[in-house]
C-alpha atoms as a PDB file:
ATOM      1  CA  MET A   1       0.063   0.157   0.177  1.00  0.00           C
ATOM      2  CA  THR A   2       1.100   3.421  -0.888  1.00  0.00           C
ATOM      3  CA  LEU A   3       0.685   6.519   1.319  1.00  0.00           C
ATOM      4  CA  GLN A   4      -1.587   7.382  -1.262  1.00  0.00           C
ATOM      5  CA  GLN A   5      -3.704   4.780  -1.157  1.00  0.00           C
ATOM      6  CA  LEU A   6      -3.979   5.153   2.719  1.00  0.00           C
ATOM      7  CA  TYR A   7      -4.711   8.860   2.148  1.00  0.00           C
ATOM      8  CA  ASN A   8      -7.829   8.039  -0.304  1.00  0.00           C
ATOM      9  CA  ILE A   9      -8.956   5.511   2.388  1.00  0.00           C
ATOM     10  CA  LEU A  10      -8.914   7.718   5.180  1.00  0.00           C
ATOM     11  CA  GLN A  11     -10.918  10.433   3.063  1.00  0.00           C
ATOM     12  CA  THR A  12     -13.490   8.132   2.620  1.00  0.00           C
ATOM     13  CA  LEU A  13     -14.256   9.509   6.725  1.00  0.00           C
ATOM     14  CA  ASN A  14     -15.224  13.042   5.401  1.00  0.00           C
ATOM     15  CA  LEU A  15     -12.960  14.720   7.856  1.00  0.00           C
ATOM     16  CA  PRO A  16     -10.039  17.129   6.710  1.00  0.00           C
ATOM     17  CA  VAL A  17      -7.037  14.767   6.157  1.00  0.00           C
ATOM     18  CA  ALA A  18      -3.324  15.914   5.865  1.00  0.00           C
ATOM     19  CA  TYR A  19       0.245  14.468   5.176  1.00  0.00           C
ATOM     20  CA  HIS A  20       2.330  15.600   8.527  1.00  0.00           C
ATOM     21  CA  HIS A  21       0.235  19.116   8.993  1.00  0.00           C
ATOM     22  CA  PHE A  22      -2.032  21.127   7.575  1.00  0.00           C
ATOM     23  CA  GLU A  23      -1.267  24.723   5.815  1.00  0.00           C
ATOM     24  CA  SER A  24      -4.198  26.244   7.948  1.00  0.00           C
ATOM     25  CA  ARG A  25      -5.997  25.808  10.988  1.00  0.00           C
ATOM     26  CA  GLN A  26      -8.835  23.305  10.881  1.00  0.00           C
ATOM     27  CA  SER A  27     -11.989  22.715  12.695  1.00  0.00           C
ATOM     28  CA  LEU A  28     -12.113  19.460  14.802  1.00  0.00           C
ATOM     29  CA  PRO A  29     -12.382  16.439  13.915  1.00  0.00           C
ATOM     30  CA  PHE A  30      -9.141  15.858  11.696  1.00  0.00           C
ATOM     31  CA  ILE A  31      -6.754  13.467  10.778  1.00  0.00           C
ATOM     32  CA  VAL A  32      -3.050  13.555  10.272  1.00  0.00           C
ATOM     33  CA  TYR A  33      -0.519  11.035   9.086  1.00  0.00           C
ATOM     34  CA  MET A  34       3.109  10.720   8.571  1.00  0.00           C
ATOM     35  CA  ASN A  35       5.777   8.191   7.669  1.00  0.00           C
ATOM     36  CA  GLU A  36       7.600   7.666  10.755  1.00  0.00           C
ATOM     37  CA  SER A  37       9.718   4.703   9.845  1.00  0.00           C
ATOM     38  CA  ASP A  38      10.641   2.113   6.893  1.00  0.00           C
ATOM     39  CA  SER A  39      11.467  -1.259   7.242  1.00  0.00           C
ATOM     40  CA  THR A  40      12.721  -3.861   5.168  1.00  0.00           C
ATOM     41  CA  VAL A  41      13.574  -7.843   5.656  1.00  0.00           C
ATOM     42  CA  GLY A  42      15.910  -9.514   3.125  1.00  0.00           C
ATOM     43  CA  ALA A  43      18.161 -12.672   2.839  1.00  0.00           C
ATOM     44  CA  ASP A  44      20.753 -13.264  -0.179  1.00  0.00           C
ATOM     45  CA  ASN A  45      21.378  -9.714  -0.157  1.00  0.00           C
ATOM     46  CA  LYS A  46      18.123  -9.292  -1.527  1.00  0.00           C
ATOM     47  CA  VAL A  47      14.695  -7.119  -0.281  1.00  0.00           C
ATOM     48  CA  LEU A  48      12.286  -9.206   0.361  1.00  0.00           C
ATOM     49  CA  TYR A  49       9.583  -7.506   2.432  1.00  0.00           C
ATOM     50  CA  LYS A  50       9.084  -3.637   2.855  1.00  0.00           C
ATOM     51  CA  ALA A  51       6.849  -1.622   5.126  1.00  0.00           C
ATOM     52  CA  LYS A  52       5.993   1.487   6.262  1.00  0.00           C
ATOM     53  CA  HIS A  53       5.208   2.549   9.868  1.00  0.00           C
ATOM     54  CA  VAL A  54       2.886   5.336   9.610  1.00  0.00           C
ATOM     55  CA  ASP A  55       1.372   7.088  12.670  1.00  0.00           C
ATOM     56  CA  VAL A  56      -2.301   7.978  11.738  1.00  0.00           C
ATOM     57  CA  GLU A  57      -3.188  10.787  14.514  1.00  0.00           C
ATOM     58  CA  LEU A  58      -7.051  11.596  14.939  1.00  0.00           C
ATOM     59  CA  TYR A  59      -7.668  14.870  16.699  1.00  0.00           C
ATOM     60  CA  MET A  60     -11.148  15.487  18.554  1.00  0.00           C
ATOM     61  CA  ALA A  61     -12.586  18.539  20.823  1.00  0.00           C
ATOM     62  CA  GLU A  62     -13.652  15.653  23.104  1.00  0.00           C
ATOM     63  CA  LYS A  63     -13.676  11.952  23.283  1.00  0.00           C
ATOM     64  CA  ASP A  64     -15.449  10.653  20.113  1.00  0.00           C
ATOM     65  CA  GLU A  65     -15.402   6.620  20.513  1.00  0.00           C
ATOM     66  CA  ALA A  66     -17.956   6.603  17.535  1.00  0.00           C
ATOM     67  CA  LEU A  67     -15.853   8.133  15.624  1.00  0.00           C
ATOM     68  CA  GLU A  68     -12.707   6.130  16.890  1.00  0.00           C
ATOM     69  CA  ILE A  69     -14.741   2.977  16.162  1.00  0.00           C
ATOM     70  CA  GLN A  70     -15.519   4.523  12.372  1.00  0.00           C
ATOM     71  CA  LEU A  71     -11.938   5.111  12.363  1.00  0.00           C
ATOM     72  CA  GLU A  72     -10.728   1.370  13.720  1.00  0.00           C
ATOM     73  CA  THR A  73     -13.617  -0.524  11.277  1.00  0.00           C
ATOM     74  CA  LEU A  74     -12.357   1.783   8.051  1.00  0.00           C
ATOM     75  CA  LEU A  75      -8.788   0.022   8.738  1.00  0.00           C
ATOM     76  CA  ASP A  76     -10.092  -3.522  10.096  1.00  0.00           C
ATOM     77  CA  ASN A  77     -12.177  -3.479   6.314  1.00  0.00           C
ATOM     78  CA  HIS A  78      -9.296  -2.490   4.867  1.00  0.00           C
ATOM     79  CA  GLU A  79      -7.562  -5.229   6.153  1.00  0.00           C
ATOM     80  CA  ILE A  80      -4.504  -2.387   7.567  1.00  0.00           C
ATOM     81  CA  PHE A  81      -2.574  -3.784  10.786  1.00  0.00           C
ATOM     82  CA  TYR A  82      -2.475  -1.094  13.599  1.00  0.00           C
ATOM     83  CA  GLU A  83      -1.136  -1.763  16.957  1.00  0.00           C
ATOM     84  CA  ASN A  84      -1.562  -0.151  20.969  1.00  0.00           C
ATOM     85  CA  PRO A  85      -3.492   2.943  19.945  1.00  0.00           C
ATOM     86  CA  ASP A  86      -2.831   5.361  22.769  1.00  0.00           C
ATOM     87  CA  GLU A  87      -4.612   8.897  23.471  1.00  0.00           C
ATOM     88  CA  VAL A  88      -3.391  12.144  24.970  1.00  0.00           C
ATOM     89  CA  PHE A  89      -4.819  15.423  25.962  1.00  0.00           C
ATOM     90  CA  ILE A  90      -2.752  18.766  24.621  1.00  0.00           C
ATOM     91  CA  GLU A  91      -3.816  20.978  27.121  1.00  0.00           C
ATOM     92  CA  GLU A  92      -1.967  24.264  25.282  1.00  0.00           C
ATOM     93  CA  GLU A  93      -3.954  23.272  22.327  1.00  0.00           C
ATOM     94  CA  GLY A  94      -7.486  21.799  24.280  1.00  0.00           C
ATOM     95  CA  VAL A  95      -7.501  18.883  22.057  1.00  0.00           C
ATOM     96  CA  PHE A  96      -7.614  15.189  22.273  1.00  0.00           C
ATOM     97  CA  LYS A  97      -5.311  13.123  20.127  1.00  0.00           C
ATOM     98  CA  ARG A  98      -5.241   9.264  19.613  1.00  0.00           C
ATOM     99  CA  THR A  99      -2.632   7.799  17.762  1.00  0.00           C
ATOM    100  CA  TYR A 100      -3.062   4.912  15.333  1.00  0.00           C
ATOM    101  CA  TYR A 101       0.364   3.017  14.689  1.00  0.00           C
ATOM    102  CA  LEU A 102      -0.002   1.125  11.274  1.00  0.00           C
ATOM    103  CA  THR A 103       2.317  -0.899   9.278  1.00  0.00           C
ATOM    104  CA  ILE A 104       1.667  -0.769   5.663  1.00  0.00           C
END
């Protein structure tokens, strides 16, 4: 899967979506995603498998479990593996950020 394909999937939630950051202020909720790292597996001097490790951050004004379930269902339906989502409240911004750690 490419980052563009992931972007297209995330857009189906009808939320603003951007890679890394938005150029202007957005209304909540919105999604930001970024490729944090890549990994490879190889043998015999060949790369056999490549993976991108992508963080998908869901920003919300208040905790919204229904929206979280929507995002998780979307990822599940597209067989996109994610692990151990975590959540923080960013006091200076007054927003909740839930991060999903994907491997694509």
